[in-house]
């Protein structure tokens, strides 16, 4: 229904298997965010903790299915963003890293610098 309304669709996947299942849907999302539940809202970034899995998700989903991969879970700073981009993701999925920040605008700008 979202595609019928011309909305961009994103889905979250907890692992490679779930990302593959999402990529096989008839109405594929434009984005799949790799976000392991154990790292959501924590102090450890998925981009530094699960680099090999991010690379596999990018290879299996972006390179084969052309669905853009976002990196989520524990992303809080420019270095996290830089690593995610280097691994082949097309953007970030953030929540607590921004919501909990004292200066939200500064935090967003710092993350963006890591993607440039």
N, C-alpha and C. Protein backbone atom coordinates (compact mmCIF):
# COMPACT_ATOMS: atom_id res chain seq x y z
N UNK A 1 0.83 -1.20 0.00
CA UNK A 1 0.00 0.00 0.00
C UNK A 1 0.87 1.26 0.00
N UNK A 2 1.99 1.23 0.71
CA UNK A 2 2.88 2.39 0.77
C UNK A 2 3.37 2.77 -0.62
N UNK A 3 3.73 1.79 -1.44
CA UNK A 3 4.18 2.09 -2.79
C UNK A 3 3.06 2.70 -3.63
N UNK A 4 1.83 2.25 -3.42
CA UNK A 4 0.69 2.83 -4.14
C UNK A 4 0.52 4.31 -3.80
N UNK A 5 0.92 4.70 -2.61
CA UNK A 5 0.81 6.08 -2.17
C UNK A 5 2.09 6.88 -2.46
N UNK A 6 3.00 6.28 -3.25
CA UNK A 6 4.28 6.91 -3.62
C UNK A 6 5.16 7.23 -2.42
N UNK A 7 5.12 6.38 -1.41
CA UNK A 7 5.97 6.52 -0.24
C UNK A 7 7.23 5.67 -0.42
N UNK A 8 8.32 6.15 0.12
CA UNK A 8 9.55 5.38 0.14
C UNK A 8 9.46 4.42 1.32
N UNK A 9 9.82 3.17 1.08
CA UNK A 9 9.66 2.15 2.10
C UNK A 9 11.02 1.66 2.59
N UNK A 10 11.13 1.53 3.89
CA UNK A 10 12.31 0.97 4.51
C UNK A 10 11.89 -0.15 5.46
N UNK A 11 12.75 -1.12 5.60
CA UNK A 11 12.49 -2.23 6.52
C UNK A 11 13.75 -2.50 7.32
N UNK A 12 13.59 -2.94 8.54
CA UNK A 12 14.72 -3.28 9.40
C UNK A 12 14.91 -4.79 9.41
N UNK A 13 16.16 -5.22 9.37
CA UNK A 13 16.49 -6.64 9.42
C UNK A 13 17.46 -6.87 10.56
N UNK A 14 17.18 -7.90 11.35
CA UNK A 14 18.04 -8.21 12.49
C UNK A 14 19.29 -9.00 12.10
N UNK A 15 19.24 -9.62 10.91
CA UNK A 15 20.38 -10.42 10.46
C UNK A 15 20.32 -10.60 8.94
N UNK A 16 21.31 -11.26 8.40
CA UNK A 16 21.38 -11.46 6.95
C UNK A 16 20.20 -12.26 6.43
N UNK A 17 19.80 -13.27 7.17
CA UNK A 17 18.66 -14.10 6.74
C UNK A 17 17.39 -13.29 6.61
N UNK A 18 17.14 -12.43 7.57
CA UNK A 18 15.95 -11.59 7.51
C UNK A 18 16.06 -10.57 6.35
N UNK A 19 17.25 -10.02 6.13
CA UNK A 19 17.45 -9.10 5.02
C UNK A 19 17.19 -9.80 3.68
N UNK A 20 17.66 -11.02 3.55
CA UNK A 20 17.41 -11.79 2.32
C UNK A 20 15.92 -12.04 2.12
N UNK A 21 15.22 -12.39 3.20
CA UNK A 21 13.78 -12.63 3.10
C UNK A 21 13.04 -11.35 2.67
N UNK A 22 13.42 -10.23 3.24
CA UNK A 22 12.80 -8.96 2.86
C UNK A 22 13.07 -8.65 1.40
N UNK A 23 14.28 -8.93 0.94
CA UNK A 23 14.65 -8.61 -0.44
C UNK A 23 13.88 -9.45 -1.46
N UNK A 24 13.26 -10.52 -1.02
CA UNK A 24 12.49 -11.39 -1.92
C UNK A 24 11.01 -11.02 -1.97
N UNK A 25 10.59 -10.04 -1.19
CA UNK A 25 9.19 -9.63 -1.21
C UNK A 25 8.79 -9.14 -2.60
N UNK A 26 7.54 -9.34 -2.95
CA UNK A 26 7.04 -8.88 -4.24
C UNK A 26 7.22 -7.37 -4.38
N UNK A 27 6.83 -6.62 -3.38
CA UNK A 27 6.99 -5.17 -3.36
C UNK A 27 8.17 -4.84 -2.45
N UNK A 28 9.35 -4.88 -3.03
CA UNK A 28 10.57 -4.68 -2.26
C UNK A 28 10.66 -3.26 -1.71
N UNK A 29 11.23 -3.11 -0.52
CA UNK A 29 11.47 -1.75 0.00
C UNK A 29 12.64 -1.11 -0.74
N UNK A 30 12.71 0.20 -0.67
CA UNK A 30 13.84 0.91 -1.27
C UNK A 30 15.09 0.80 -0.39
N UNK A 31 14.89 0.59 0.90
CA UNK A 31 15.99 0.50 1.86
C UNK A 31 15.77 -0.69 2.79
N UNK A 32 16.87 -1.33 3.17
CA UNK A 32 16.85 -2.30 4.26
C UNK A 32 17.93 -1.85 5.25
N UNK A 33 17.53 -1.68 6.49
CA UNK A 33 18.47 -1.29 7.54
C UNK A 33 18.91 -2.55 8.29
N UNK A 34 20.21 -2.77 8.32
CA UNK A 34 20.75 -3.87 9.13
C UNK A 34 20.91 -3.34 10.54
N UNK A 35 20.18 -3.96 11.48
CA UNK A 35 20.15 -3.46 12.85
C UNK A 35 19.99 -4.62 13.83
N UNK A 36 21.10 -5.20 14.31
CA UNK A 36 20.99 -6.30 15.26
C UNK A 36 20.39 -5.81 16.59
N UNK A 37 19.33 -6.46 17.07
CA UNK A 37 18.64 -6.01 18.28
C UNK A 37 19.53 -5.84 19.50
N UNK A 38 20.56 -6.66 19.62
CA UNK A 38 21.42 -6.59 20.81
C UNK A 38 22.21 -5.28 20.89
N UNK A 39 22.34 -4.56 19.78
CA UNK A 39 23.11 -3.32 19.76
C UNK A 39 22.24 -2.06 19.72
N UNK A 40 20.94 -2.23 19.55
CA UNK A 40 20.04 -1.07 19.47
C UNK A 40 20.04 -0.32 20.79
N UNK A 41 20.26 0.98 20.72
CA UNK A 41 20.24 1.84 21.90
C UNK A 41 21.43 1.69 22.83
N UNK A 42 22.40 0.91 22.41
CA UNK A 42 23.56 0.66 23.27
C UNK A 42 24.72 1.60 22.98
N UNK A 43 25.83 1.28 23.59
CA UNK A 43 27.03 2.10 23.44
C UNK A 43 28.01 1.54 22.42
N UNK A 44 27.72 0.37 21.88
CA UNK A 44 28.59 -0.25 20.89
C UNK A 44 27.94 -0.11 19.52
N UNK A 45 28.70 0.38 18.56
CA UNK A 45 28.19 0.60 17.21
C UNK A 45 28.25 -0.67 16.37
N UNK A 46 27.19 -0.92 15.63
CA UNK A 46 27.17 -2.05 14.71
C UNK A 46 28.27 -1.91 13.67
N UNK A 47 28.61 -0.67 13.30
CA UNK A 47 29.63 -0.47 12.26
C UNK A 47 31.02 -0.87 12.73
N UNK A 48 31.26 -0.86 14.03
CA UNK A 48 32.56 -1.31 14.53
C UNK A 48 32.52 -2.74 15.06
N UNK A 49 31.36 -3.21 15.45
CA UNK A 49 31.22 -4.53 16.07
C UNK A 49 30.91 -5.64 15.06
N UNK A 50 30.19 -5.32 14.00
CA UNK A 50 29.70 -6.35 13.06
C UNK A 50 30.11 -6.04 11.62
N UNK A 51 31.34 -5.61 11.43
CA UNK A 51 31.78 -5.20 10.09
C UNK A 51 31.62 -6.29 9.04
N UNK A 52 31.96 -7.53 9.40
CA UNK A 52 31.88 -8.61 8.43
C UNK A 52 30.44 -8.89 8.01
N UNK A 53 29.50 -8.75 8.92
CA UNK A 53 28.10 -8.99 8.58
C UNK A 53 27.57 -7.86 7.71
N UNK A 54 27.95 -6.63 8.01
CA UNK A 54 27.54 -5.50 7.17
C UNK A 54 28.04 -5.71 5.75
N UNK A 55 29.27 -6.12 5.60
CA UNK A 55 29.82 -6.38 4.26
C UNK A 55 29.03 -7.47 3.54
N UNK A 56 28.63 -8.50 4.26
CA UNK A 56 27.85 -9.59 3.65
C UNK A 56 26.47 -9.12 3.25
N UNK A 57 25.84 -8.30 4.10
CA UNK A 57 24.52 -7.76 3.77
C UNK A 57 24.62 -6.88 2.51
N UNK A 58 25.62 -6.03 2.46
CA UNK A 58 25.82 -5.18 1.29
C UNK A 58 26.02 -6.04 0.04
N UNK A 59 26.85 -7.06 0.15
CA UNK A 59 27.13 -7.92 -1.01
C UNK A 59 25.88 -8.67 -1.47
N UNK A 60 25.15 -9.25 -0.53
CA UNK A 60 23.99 -10.07 -0.87
C UNK A 60 22.75 -9.26 -1.27
N UNK A 61 22.57 -8.09 -0.67
CA UNK A 61 21.34 -7.33 -0.91
C UNK A 61 21.56 -6.18 -1.89
N UNK A 62 22.55 -5.33 -1.64
CA UNK A 62 22.77 -4.19 -2.53
C UNK A 62 23.33 -4.65 -3.87
N UNK A 63 24.39 -5.44 -3.85
CA UNK A 63 25.04 -5.81 -5.10
C UNK A 63 24.19 -6.75 -5.95
N UNK A 64 23.37 -7.61 -5.32
CA UNK A 64 22.57 -8.56 -6.09
C UNK A 64 21.14 -8.07 -6.34
N UNK A 65 20.55 -7.38 -5.38
CA UNK A 65 19.14 -6.99 -5.49
C UNK A 65 18.93 -5.50 -5.71
N UNK A 66 20.00 -4.72 -5.57
CA UNK A 66 19.95 -3.26 -5.73
C UNK A 66 18.98 -2.59 -4.75
N UNK A 67 18.92 -3.12 -3.54
CA UNK A 67 18.17 -2.48 -2.46
C UNK A 67 19.21 -1.82 -1.56
N UNK A 68 19.06 -0.53 -1.35
CA UNK A 68 20.04 0.23 -0.57
C UNK A 68 20.06 -0.25 0.88
N UNK A 69 21.27 -0.33 1.43
CA UNK A 69 21.46 -0.78 2.80
C UNK A 69 21.77 0.40 3.70
N UNK A 70 21.06 0.47 4.81
CA UNK A 70 21.32 1.45 5.86
C UNK A 70 21.96 0.72 7.03
N UNK A 71 22.70 1.44 7.82
CA UNK A 71 23.36 0.87 8.98
C UNK A 71 22.73 1.46 10.23
N UNK A 72 22.28 0.61 11.14
CA UNK A 72 21.66 1.09 12.37
C UNK A 72 22.17 0.33 13.57
N UNK A 73 21.84 0.79 14.73
CA UNK A 73 22.17 0.18 16.03
C UNK A 73 23.50 0.69 16.58
N UNK A 74 23.40 1.55 17.55
CA UNK A 74 24.59 2.05 18.23
C UNK A 74 25.35 3.14 17.49
N UNK A 75 24.83 3.61 16.38
CA UNK A 75 25.50 4.66 15.60
C UNK A 75 25.39 5.98 16.36
N UNK A 76 26.52 6.55 16.73
CA UNK A 76 26.47 7.77 17.55
C UNK A 76 27.39 8.89 17.10
N UNK A 77 28.41 8.58 16.29
CA UNK A 77 29.37 9.63 15.98
C UNK A 77 29.89 9.52 14.55
N UNK A 78 30.73 10.48 14.22
CA UNK A 78 31.28 10.59 12.87
C UNK A 78 32.06 9.34 12.47
N UNK A 79 32.80 8.78 13.38
CA UNK A 79 33.59 7.58 13.07
C UNK A 79 32.68 6.40 12.76
N UNK A 80 31.59 6.23 13.52
CA UNK A 80 30.62 5.16 13.24
C UNK A 80 30.07 5.32 11.82
N UNK A 81 29.73 6.55 11.45
CA UNK A 81 29.18 6.84 10.13
C UNK A 81 30.22 6.58 9.04
N UNK A 82 31.45 7.01 9.28
CA UNK A 82 32.52 6.82 8.30
C UNK A 82 32.75 5.33 8.02
N UNK A 83 32.77 4.54 9.08
CA UNK A 83 32.97 3.09 8.93
C UNK A 83 31.80 2.49 8.14
N UNK A 84 30.58 2.87 8.48
CA UNK A 84 29.39 2.35 7.80
C UNK A 84 29.46 2.64 6.30
N UNK A 85 29.85 3.85 5.96
CA UNK A 85 29.96 4.23 4.54
C UNK A 85 31.05 3.42 3.86
N UNK A 86 32.19 3.28 4.52
CA UNK A 86 33.31 2.52 3.96
C UNK A 86 32.91 1.06 3.69
N UNK A 87 32.01 0.53 4.51
CA UNK A 87 31.56 -0.84 4.36
C UNK A 87 30.53 -1.00 3.24
N UNK A 88 30.09 0.12 2.66
CA UNK A 88 29.19 0.05 1.51
C UNK A 88 27.74 0.41 1.77
N UNK A 89 27.42 0.82 2.99
CA UNK A 89 26.04 1.22 3.25
C UNK A 89 25.76 2.57 2.60
N UNK A 90 24.48 2.83 2.36
CA UNK A 90 24.07 4.06 1.67
C UNK A 90 23.54 5.12 2.61
N UNK A 91 23.54 4.83 3.91
CA UNK A 91 23.07 5.80 4.89
C UNK A 91 22.96 5.16 6.26
N UNK A 92 22.37 5.92 7.17
CA UNK A 92 22.26 5.49 8.56
C UNK A 92 20.82 5.47 9.01
N UNK A 93 20.55 4.62 9.97
CA UNK A 93 19.27 4.61 10.67
C UNK A 93 19.61 4.88 12.13
N UNK A 94 19.24 6.04 12.61
CA UNK A 94 19.58 6.41 13.98
C UNK A 94 18.34 6.83 14.74
N UNK A 95 18.38 6.62 16.02
CA UNK A 95 17.29 7.05 16.89
C UNK A 95 17.88 7.52 18.21
N UNK A 96 18.27 6.57 19.06
CA UNK A 96 18.73 6.94 20.40
C UNK A 96 19.98 7.82 20.37
N UNK A 97 20.85 7.63 19.38
CA UNK A 97 22.05 8.44 19.28
C UNK A 97 21.74 9.92 19.10
N UNK A 98 20.60 10.21 18.50
CA UNK A 98 20.16 11.59 18.31
C UNK A 98 19.21 12.00 19.43
N UNK A 99 18.25 11.16 19.72
CA UNK A 99 17.24 11.48 20.74
C UNK A 99 17.88 11.75 22.10
N UNK A 100 18.90 10.99 22.45
CA UNK A 100 19.55 11.15 23.76
C UNK A 100 20.61 12.25 23.77
N UNK A 101 20.96 12.79 22.62
CA UNK A 101 22.01 13.81 22.55
C UNK A 101 21.52 15.12 23.16
N UNK A 102 22.41 15.81 23.86
CA UNK A 102 22.04 17.11 24.44
C UNK A 102 21.89 18.16 23.35
N UNK A 103 22.73 18.08 22.33
CA UNK A 103 22.63 19.01 21.20
C UNK A 103 22.34 18.18 19.95
N UNK A 104 21.06 18.01 19.65
CA UNK A 104 20.64 17.14 18.56
C UNK A 104 21.16 17.61 17.20
N UNK A 105 21.09 18.90 16.95
CA UNK A 105 21.56 19.43 15.67
C UNK A 105 23.05 19.15 15.48
N UNK A 106 23.83 19.38 16.51
CA UNK A 106 25.28 19.11 16.43
C UNK A 106 25.54 17.63 16.18
N UNK A 107 24.79 16.77 16.84
CA UNK A 107 24.96 15.33 16.67
C UNK A 107 24.63 14.89 15.24
N UNK A 108 23.56 15.45 14.70
CA UNK A 108 23.19 15.13 13.31
C UNK A 108 24.27 15.59 12.35
N UNK A 109 24.77 16.79 12.55
CA UNK A 109 25.80 17.34 11.67
C UNK A 109 27.08 16.50 11.75
N UNK A 110 27.43 16.04 12.94
CA UNK A 110 28.62 15.21 13.10
C UNK A 110 28.47 13.89 12.34
N UNK A 111 27.29 13.28 12.46
CA UNK A 111 27.05 12.04 11.72
C UNK A 111 27.17 12.28 10.21
N UNK A 112 26.59 13.37 9.74
CA UNK A 112 26.63 13.68 8.31
C UNK A 112 28.06 13.86 7.81
N UNK A 113 28.91 14.44 8.62
CA UNK A 113 30.31 14.61 8.21
C UNK A 113 30.99 13.27 7.96
N UNK A 114 30.59 12.27 8.70
CA UNK A 114 31.16 10.94 8.52
C UNK A 114 30.72 10.29 7.22
N UNK A 115 29.65 10.79 6.62
CA UNK A 115 29.14 10.23 5.37
C UNK A 115 29.68 10.96 4.13
N UNK A 116 30.40 12.07 4.35
CA UNK A 116 30.90 12.85 3.21
C UNK A 116 32.20 12.32 2.70
